[in-house]
Amino acid sequence: MNDKRAKPRQRVLKSAKIRLNRGGSIDCTIRDISEDGACLRLATVLGIPESFELVLDDKTARSCRVIWRKQSQIGVEFQSESASAPIAQTSAFAVGATKLDTSLSVLVVDDSATMTQIISNFVRQIGLTDVDIVHDGPAALGRLRQKKYGLVLSDWEMEPMSGEELFKAMRQDKAIGNVPIILITATAGRGASWLAGAAAYLRKPFSESDLKTAVERVLSPPPK
């Protein structure tokens, strides 16, 4: 890793936000900053894309490119206006031979705040920007009865209601029984998830690509 800096950096320890290109933001702390770039501290670097906008506490936004990563820190290079071309927002992404409307609402359920942030960031990065978060099964059921969702991503190991119990409760309610659910687990194998009747499963840790594959499999129309 080349850590040579064109400009001296000032240690600041200021709060800021990483604004994602497809919506949403992540809190971070600026450890040091210069005219050319900065070192940012986060809860985790999982789900952080290669480029984003850094919103400072004075509401100034700087386009950034990640140049190195550690477990809870990233180094970024500030991009000039000409170097940082805007990323086009798309209204659909390919799923099989068709396209999926990115206005599809997604509900992420996990009792870990860190995991809900990571999962929701992955969901936004694959093009689904209408993402809501809850931290337990009862809250998920309440939200599902208030708003129409096209997909649920739920942790398997939760309390007081597990992902399997949430799934079964959904299927017993005719109003929300047809909403597809992807179960996410750190321990159960594929067999347990499929026996529960989930549309798909993801094993932790998983990547953005893994999530996209699961979403495509679940939301693709059945073969004719």
C-alpha atoms as a PDB file:
ATOM      1  CA  MET A   1       0.000   0.000   0.000  1.00  0.00           C
ATOM      2  CA  ASN A   2       1.441   3.376  -1.016  1.00  0.00           C
ATOM      3  CA  ASP A   3       0.751   5.842   1.775  1.00  0.00           C
ATOM      4  CA  LYS A   4       2.668   8.802   0.303  1.00  0.00           C
ATOM      5  CA  ARG A   5       0.612  11.967   0.435  1.00  0.00           C
ATOM      6  CA  ALA A   6       0.894  14.909  -1.927  1.00  0.00           C
ATOM      7  CA  LYS A   7      -0.514  17.263   0.729  1.00  0.00           C
ATOM      8  CA  PRO A   8      -0.060  17.155   4.532  1.00  0.00           C
ATOM      9  CA  ARG A   9      -3.117  15.946   6.412  1.00  0.00           C
ATOM     10  CA  GLN A  10      -4.696  17.538   9.453  1.00  0.00           C
ATOM     11  CA  ARG A  11      -6.045  15.360  12.272  1.00  0.00           C
ATOM     12  CA  VAL A  12      -9.648  16.441  12.849  1.00  0.00           C
ATOM     13  CA  LEU A  13     -11.918  13.616  14.202  1.00  0.00           C
ATOM     14  CA  LYS A  14     -15.063  15.136  12.699  1.00  0.00           C
ATOM     15  CA  SER A  15     -18.338  13.368  11.979  1.00  0.00           C
ATOM     16  CA  ALA A  16     -19.456  13.038   8.355  1.00  0.00           C
ATOM     17  CA  LYS A  17     -21.690  10.920   6.124  1.00  0.00           C
ATOM     18  CA  ILE A  18     -20.935   8.698   3.165  1.00  0.00           C
ATOM     19  CA  ARG A  19     -23.681   9.348   0.625  1.00  0.00           C
ATOM     20  CA  LEU A  20     -24.212   6.343  -1.638  1.00  0.00           C
ATOM     21  CA  ASN A  21     -24.796   6.811  -5.347  1.00  0.00           C
ATOM     22  CA  ARG A  22     -28.039   4.790  -5.289  1.00  0.00           C
ATOM     23  CA  GLY A  23     -29.469   6.366  -2.162  1.00  0.00           C
ATOM     24  CA  GLY A  24     -28.899   6.152   1.559  1.00  0.00           C
ATOM     25  CA  SER A  25     -25.990   7.232   3.736  1.00  0.00           C
ATOM     26  CA  ILE A  26     -23.551   5.806   6.285  1.00  0.00           C
ATOM     27  CA  ASP A  27     -22.165   7.637   9.311  1.00  0.00           C
ATOM     28  CA  CYS A  28     -18.398   7.900   9.572  1.00  0.00           C
ATOM     29  CA  THR A  29     -15.655   9.838  11.347  1.00  0.00           C
ATOM     30  CA  ILE A  30     -12.944  11.754   9.495  1.00  0.00           C
ATOM     31  CA  ARG A  31      -9.669  10.912  11.251  1.00  0.00           C
ATOM     32  CA  ASP A  32      -7.520  13.219   9.125  1.00  0.00           C
ATOM     33  CA  ILE A  33      -8.026  15.249   5.995  1.00  0.00           C
ATOM     34  CA  SER A  34      -6.066  17.222   3.390  1.00  0.00           C
ATOM     35  CA  GLU A  35      -6.796  18.957   0.105  1.00  0.00           C
ATOM     36  CA  ASP A  36      -6.289  15.636  -1.701  1.00  0.00           C
ATOM     37  CA  GLY A  37      -8.106  13.104   0.485  1.00  0.00           C
ATOM     38  CA  ALA A  38      -8.958  11.765   3.921  1.00  0.00           C
ATOM     39  CA  CYS A  39      -8.889   8.771   6.250  1.00  0.00           C
ATOM     40  CA  LEU A  40     -12.356   7.678   7.389  1.00  0.00           C
ATOM     41  CA  ARG A  41     -13.315   5.457  10.315  1.00  0.00           C
ATOM     42  CA  LEU A  42     -16.492   3.316  10.111  1.00  0.00           C
ATOM     43  CA  ALA A  43     -18.179   0.534  12.043  1.00  0.00           C
ATOM     44  CA  THR A  44     -17.306  -1.748   9.110  1.00  0.00           C
ATOM     45  CA  VAL A  45     -16.080  -1.256   5.556  1.00  0.00           C
ATOM     46  CA  LEU A  46     -18.404  -3.978   4.220  1.00  0.00           C
ATOM     47  CA  GLY A  47     -20.817  -2.543   1.688  1.00  0.00           C
ATOM     48  CA  ILE A  48     -18.769   0.601   1.010  1.00  0.00           C
ATOM     49  CA  PRO A  49     -18.538   1.099  -2.779  1.00  0.00           C
ATOM     50  CA  GLU A  50     -15.408   2.178  -4.655  1.00  0.00           C
ATOM     51  CA  SER A  51     -16.768   5.693  -5.166  1.00  0.00           C
ATOM     52  CA  PHE A  52     -19.201   7.899  -3.240  1.00  0.00           C
ATOM     53  CA  GLU A  53     -19.804  11.419  -1.926  1.00  0.00           C
ATOM     54  CA  LEU A  54     -18.468  12.437   1.479  1.00  0.00           C
ATOM     55  CA  VAL A  55     -20.803  14.968   3.136  1.00  0.00           C
ATOM     56  CA  LEU A  56     -18.987  17.094   5.719  1.00  0.00           C
ATOM     57  CA  ASP A  57     -20.623  18.687   8.750  1.00  0.00           C
ATOM     58  CA  ASP A  58     -20.813  22.040   6.938  1.00  0.00           C
ATOM     59  CA  LYS A  59     -22.882  20.243   4.226  1.00  0.00           C
ATOM     60  CA  THR A  60     -20.012  20.411   1.731  1.00  0.00           C
ATOM     61  CA  ALA A  61     -19.933  17.284  -0.463  1.00  0.00           C
ATOM     62  CA  ARG A  62     -16.727  15.873  -1.941  1.00  0.00           C
ATOM     63  CA  SER A  63     -16.615  13.117  -4.547  1.00  0.00           C
ATOM     64  CA  CYS A  64     -14.326  10.323  -3.322  1.00  0.00           C
ATOM     65  CA  ARG A  65     -12.546   7.248  -4.628  1.00  0.00           C
ATOM     66  CA  VAL A  66     -11.385   4.534  -2.218  1.00  0.00           C
ATOM     67  CA  ILE A  67      -7.622   3.909  -2.476  1.00  0.00           C
ATOM     68  CA  TRP A  68      -7.150   1.528   0.481  1.00  0.00           C
ATOM     69  CA  ARG A  69      -9.228  -0.393   3.028  1.00  0.00           C
ATOM     70  CA  LYS A  70      -8.727  -1.854   6.487  1.00  0.00           C
ATOM     71  CA  GLN A  71     -11.223  -3.540   8.810  1.00  0.00           C
ATOM     72  CA  SER A  72     -12.774  -0.290  10.062  1.00  0.00           C
ATOM     73  CA  GLN A  73     -10.997   2.405   8.040  1.00  0.00           C
ATOM     74  CA  ILE A  74     -10.729   3.524   4.442  1.00  0.00           C
ATOM     75  CA  GLY A  75      -8.457   5.971   2.701  1.00  0.00           C
ATOM     76  CA  VAL A  76     -10.085   8.114   0.027  1.00  0.00           C
ATOM     77  CA  GLU A  77      -8.854  10.407  -2.697  1.00  0.00           C
ATOM     78  CA  PHE A  78     -10.939  13.472  -3.505  1.00  0.00           C
ATOM     79  CA  GLN A  79     -11.971  13.669  -7.153  1.00  0.00           C
ATOM     80  CA  SER A  80     -12.094  16.838  -9.212  1.00  0.00           C
ATOM     81  CA  GLU A  81     -15.307  17.919 -10.893  1.00  0.00           C
ATOM     82  CA  SER A  82     -14.049  16.616 -14.234  1.00  0.00           C
ATOM     83  CA  ALA A  83     -12.784  13.333 -12.791  1.00  0.00           C
ATOM     84  CA  SER A  84     -15.976  12.384 -11.003  1.00  0.00           C
ATOM     85  CA  ALA A  85     -18.588  11.710 -13.615  1.00  0.00           C
ATOM     86  CA  PRO A  86     -22.099  11.373 -12.212  1.00  0.00           C
ATOM     87  CA  ILE A  87     -23.452   7.875 -11.910  1.00  0.00           C
ATOM     88  CA  ALA A  88     -26.698   7.587 -13.840  1.00  0.00           C
ATOM     89  CA  GLN A  89     -29.753   6.536 -11.879  1.00  0.00           C
ATOM     90  CA  THR A  90     -31.579   3.682 -13.530  1.00  0.00           C
ATOM     91  CA  SER A  91     -35.203   2.770 -13.137  1.00  0.00           C
ATOM     92  CA  ALA A  92     -34.662  -0.928 -13.820  1.00  0.00           C
ATOM     93  CA  PHE A  93     -31.979  -3.593 -13.800  1.00  0.00           C
ATOM     94  CA  ALA A  94     -31.845  -6.827 -15.710  1.00  0.00           C
ATOM     95  CA  VAL A  95     -33.293  -9.946 -14.168  1.00  0.00           C
ATOM     96  CA  GLY A  96     -33.014 -12.838 -16.568  1.00  0.00           C
ATOM     97  CA  ALA A  97     -34.537 -11.742 -19.866  1.00  0.00           C
ATOM     98  CA  THR A  98     -36.731  -9.080 -18.262  1.00  0.00           C
ATOM     99  CA  LYS A  99     -36.181  -5.925 -16.245  1.00  0.00           C
ATOM    100  CA  LEU A 100     -37.153  -5.308 -12.655  1.00  0.00           C
ATOM    101  CA  ASP A 101     -38.726  -2.041 -11.579  1.00  0.00           C
ATOM    102  CA  THR A 102     -36.386  -0.536  -8.978  1.00  0.00           C
ATOM    103  CA  SER A 103     -39.335   1.085  -7.214  1.00  0.00           C
ATOM    104  CA  LEU A 104     -39.926  -2.355  -5.664  1.00  0.00           C
ATOM    105  CA  SER A 105     -40.016  -1.934  -1.868  1.00  0.00           C
ATOM    106  CA  VAL A 106     -37.687  -4.101   0.218  1.00  0.00           C
ATOM    107  CA  LEU A 107     -37.869  -4.780   3.966  1.00  0.00           C
ATOM    108  CA  VAL A 108     -34.641  -5.737   5.781  1.00  0.00           C
ATOM    109  CA  VAL A 109     -35.063  -7.489   9.150  1.00  0.00           C
ATOM    110  CA  ASP A 110     -32.125  -8.135  11.507  1.00  0.00           C
ATOM    111  CA  ASP A 111     -31.552  -7.576  15.220  1.00  0.00           C
ATOM    112  CA  SER A 112     -28.050  -6.276  14.482  1.00  0.00           C
ATOM    113  CA  ALA A 113     -27.911  -2.590  13.495  1.00  0.00           C
ATOM    114  CA  THR A 114     -24.592  -3.201  11.753  1.00  0.00           C
ATOM    115  CA  MET A 115     -26.020  -6.016   9.632  1.00  0.00           C
ATOM    116  CA  THR A 116     -29.138  -4.069   8.643  1.00  0.00           C
ATOM    117  CA  GLN A 117     -26.884  -1.242   7.464  1.00  0.00           C
ATOM    118  CA  ILE A 118     -24.668  -3.600   5.459  1.00  0.00           C
ATOM    119  CA  ILE A 119     -27.593  -5.477   3.898  1.00  0.00           C
ATOM    120  CA  SER A 120     -29.555  -2.323   3.051  1.00  0.00           C
ATOM    121  CA  ASN A 121     -26.448  -0.817   1.421  1.00  0.00           C
ATOM    122  CA  PHE A 122     -26.008  -3.951  -0.703  1.00  0.00           C
ATOM    123  CA  VAL A 123     -29.681  -3.795  -1.709  1.00  0.00           C
ATOM    124  CA  ARG A 124     -29.336  -0.166  -2.803  1.00  0.00           C
ATOM    125  CA  GLN A 125     -26.158  -0.906  -4.724  1.00  0.00           C
ATOM    126  CA  ILE A 126     -27.909  -3.516  -6.879  1.00  0.00           C
ATOM    127  CA  GLY A 127     -30.538  -0.929  -7.806  1.00  0.00           C
ATOM    128  CA  LEU A 128     -33.391  -1.281  -5.286  1.00  0.00           C
ATOM    129  CA  THR A 129     -33.564   2.070  -3.531  1.00  0.00           C
ATOM    130  CA  ASP A 130     -36.834   1.845  -1.558  1.00  0.00           C
ATOM    131  CA  VAL A 131     -35.460   0.023   1.502  1.00  0.00           C
ATOM    132  CA  ASP A 132     -36.910  -0.037   5.028  1.00  0.00           C
ATOM    133  CA  ILE A 133     -35.262  -1.501   8.137  1.00  0.00           C
ATOM    134  CA  VAL A 134     -36.686  -3.107  11.285  1.00  0.00           C
ATOM    135  CA  HIS A 135     -34.891  -4.990  14.038  1.00  0.00           C
ATOM    136  CA  ASP A 136     -37.264  -7.804  15.056  1.00  0.00           C
ATOM    137  CA  GLY A 137     -40.012 -10.049  13.728  1.00  0.00           C
ATOM    138  CA  PRO A 138     -43.035  -8.365  15.372  1.00  0.00           C
ATOM    139  CA  ALA A 139     -41.933  -4.988  13.974  1.00  0.00           C
ATOM    140  CA  ALA A 140     -41.538  -6.597  10.541  1.00  0.00           C
ATOM    141  CA  LEU A 141     -45.086  -7.962  10.637  1.00  0.00           C
ATOM    142  CA  GLY A 142     -46.411  -4.548  11.608  1.00  0.00           C
ATOM    143  CA  ARG A 143     -44.556  -2.856   8.751  1.00  0.00           C
ATOM    144  CA  LEU A 144     -45.665  -5.497   6.238  1.00  0.00           C
ATOM    145  CA  ARG A 145     -49.309  -4.850   7.169  1.00  0.00           C
ATOM    146  CA  GLN A 146     -48.854  -1.112   6.677  1.00  0.00           C
ATOM    147  CA  LYS A 147     -46.975  -1.034   3.369  1.00  0.00           C
ATOM    148  CA  LYS A 148     -46.795  -3.192   0.256  1.00  0.00           C
ATOM    149  CA  TYR A 149     -43.378  -4.868  -0.091  1.00  0.00           C
ATOM    150  CA  GLY A 150     -42.018  -6.868  -2.987  1.00  0.00           C
ATOM    151  CA  LEU A 151     -39.272  -8.626  -1.024  1.00  0.00           C
ATOM    152  CA  VAL A 152     -38.198  -9.356   2.563  1.00  0.00           C
ATOM    153  CA  LEU A 153     -34.628 -10.142   3.622  1.00  0.00           C
ATOM    154  CA  SER A 154     -34.610 -11.533   7.152  1.00  0.00           C
ATOM    155  CA  ASP A 155     -32.023 -12.877   9.544  1.00  0.00           C
ATOM    156  CA  TRP A 156     -32.628 -16.484  10.652  1.00  0.00           C
ATOM    157  CA  GLU A 157     -31.316 -16.143  14.213  1.00  0.00           C
ATOM    158  CA  MET A 158     -33.346 -13.378  15.898  1.00  0.00           C
ATOM    159  CA  GLU A 159     -35.213 -12.859  19.155  1.00  0.00           C
ATOM    160  CA  PRO A 160     -37.971 -12.776  20.281  1.00  0.00           C
ATOM    161  CA  MET A 161     -39.147 -14.085  16.881  1.00  0.00           C
ATOM    162  CA  SER A 162     -36.768 -16.029  14.637  1.00  0.00           C
ATOM    163  CA  GLY A 163     -36.636 -15.639  10.878  1.00  0.00           C
ATOM    164  CA  GLU A 164     -38.388 -18.976  10.471  1.00  0.00           C
ATOM    165  CA  GLU A 165     -41.177 -17.895  12.847  1.00  0.00           C
ATOM    166  CA  LEU A 166     -41.514 -14.612  10.961  1.00  0.00           C
ATOM    167  CA  PHE A 167     -41.810 -16.495   7.687  1.00  0.00           C
ATOM    168  CA  LYS A 168     -44.500 -18.820   9.078  1.00  0.00           C
ATOM    169  CA  ALA A 169     -46.451 -15.859  10.518  1.00  0.00           C
ATOM    170  CA  MET A 170     -46.336 -14.155   7.119  1.00  0.00           C
ATOM    171  CA  ARG A 171     -47.669 -17.247   5.364  1.00  0.00           C
ATOM    172  CA  GLN A 172     -50.591 -17.463   7.814  1.00  0.00           C
ATOM    173  CA  ASP A 173     -51.672 -13.925   6.908  1.00  0.00           C
ATOM    174  CA  LYS A 174     -53.367 -13.840   3.503  1.00  0.00           C
ATOM    175  CA  ALA A 175     -52.603 -10.144   3.032  1.00  0.00           C
ATOM    176  CA  ILE A 176     -48.834 -10.661   3.182  1.00  0.00           C
ATOM    177  CA  GLY A 177     -48.507 -14.404   2.613  1.00  0.00           C
ATOM    178  CA  ASN A 178     -47.230 -14.107  -0.946  1.00  0.00           C
ATOM    179  CA  VAL A 179     -44.342 -11.730  -0.262  1.00  0.00           C
ATOM    180  CA  PRO A 180     -41.092 -13.593  -1.107  1.00  0.00           C
ATOM    181  CA  ILE A 181     -38.540 -13.865   1.697  1.00  0.00           C
ATOM    182  CA  ILE A 182     -34.799 -14.510   1.591  1.00  0.00           C
ATOM    183  CA  LEU A 183     -33.465 -15.891   4.875  1.00  0.00           C
ATOM    184  CA  ILE A 184     -29.958 -14.946   5.993  1.00  0.00           C
ATOM    185  CA  THR A 185     -28.041 -17.205   8.364  1.00  0.00           C
ATOM    186  CA  ALA A 186     -24.611 -17.680   9.872  1.00  0.00           C
ATOM    187  CA  THR A 187     -25.194 -21.267  10.993  1.00  0.00           C
ATOM    188  CA  ALA A 188     -28.011 -23.081   9.203  1.00  0.00           C
ATOM    189  CA  GLY A 189     -27.288 -24.836   5.959  1.00  0.00           C
ATOM    190  CA  ARG A 190     -29.300 -24.650   2.789  1.00  0.00           C
ATOM    191  CA  GLY A 191     -31.497 -27.579   3.751  1.00  0.00           C
ATOM    192  CA  ALA A 192     -32.927 -25.895   6.861  1.00  0.00           C
ATOM    193  CA  SER A 193     -33.789 -22.700   5.002  1.00  0.00           C
ATOM    194  CA  TRP A 194     -35.450 -24.519   2.145  1.00  0.00           C
ATOM    195  CA  LEU A 195     -37.375 -26.774   4.529  1.00  0.00           C
ATOM    196  CA  ALA A 196     -38.780 -23.613   6.077  1.00  0.00           C
ATOM    197  CA  GLY A 197     -40.151 -22.744   2.629  1.00  0.00           C
ATOM    198  CA  ALA A 198     -38.122 -19.571   2.065  1.00  0.00           C
ATOM    199  CA  ALA A 199     -37.670 -18.416  -1.528  1.00  0.00           C
ATOM    200  CA  ALA A 200     -33.861 -18.439  -1.095  1.00  0.00           C
ATOM    201  CA  TYR A 201     -31.159 -18.230   1.521  1.00  0.00           C
ATOM    202  CA  LEU A 202     -27.852 -16.404   2.017  1.00  0.00           C
ATOM    203  CA  ARG A 203     -25.050 -17.675   4.212  1.00  0.00           C
ATOM    204  CA  LYS A 204     -23.036 -15.077   6.158  1.00  0.00           C
ATOM    205  CA  PRO A 205     -20.676 -13.615   5.163  1.00  0.00           C
ATOM    206  CA  PHE A 206     -21.972 -12.821   1.677  1.00  0.00           C
ATOM    207  CA  SER A 207     -21.094 -10.300  -1.011  1.00  0.00           C
ATOM    208  CA  GLU A 208     -23.114  -7.848  -3.068  1.00  0.00           C
ATOM    209  CA  SER A 209     -22.832 -10.312  -5.960  1.00  0.00           C
ATOM    210  CA  ASP A 210     -24.244 -13.128  -3.798  1.00  0.00           C
ATOM    211  CA  LEU A 211     -27.193 -10.928  -2.830  1.00  0.00           C
ATOM    212  CA  LYS A 212     -27.864  -9.924  -6.428  1.00  0.00           C
ATOM    213  CA  THR A 213     -27.852 -13.588  -7.511  1.00  0.00           C
ATOM    214  CA  ALA A 214     -30.359 -14.492  -4.793  1.00  0.00           C
ATOM    215  CA  VAL A 215     -32.636 -11.541  -5.634  1.00  0.00           C
ATOM    216  CA  GLU A 216     -32.547 -12.395  -9.338  1.00  0.00           C
ATOM    217  CA  ARG A 217     -33.421 -16.011  -8.590  1.00  0.00           C
ATOM    218  CA  VAL A 218     -36.339 -15.026  -6.374  1.00  0.00           C
ATOM    219  CA  LEU A 219     -37.803 -12.273  -8.538  1.00  0.00           C
ATOM    220  CA  SER A 220     -37.229 -13.735 -11.999  1.00  0.00           C
ATOM    221  CA  PRO A 221     -40.486 -14.790 -13.678  1.00  0.00           C
ATOM    222  CA  PRO A 222     -41.015 -18.568 -13.887  1.00  0.00           C
ATOM    223  CA  PRO A 223     -39.945 -20.164 -17.185  1.00  0.00           C
ATOM    224  CA  LYS A 224     -42.683 -20.462 -19.776  1.00  0.00           C
END
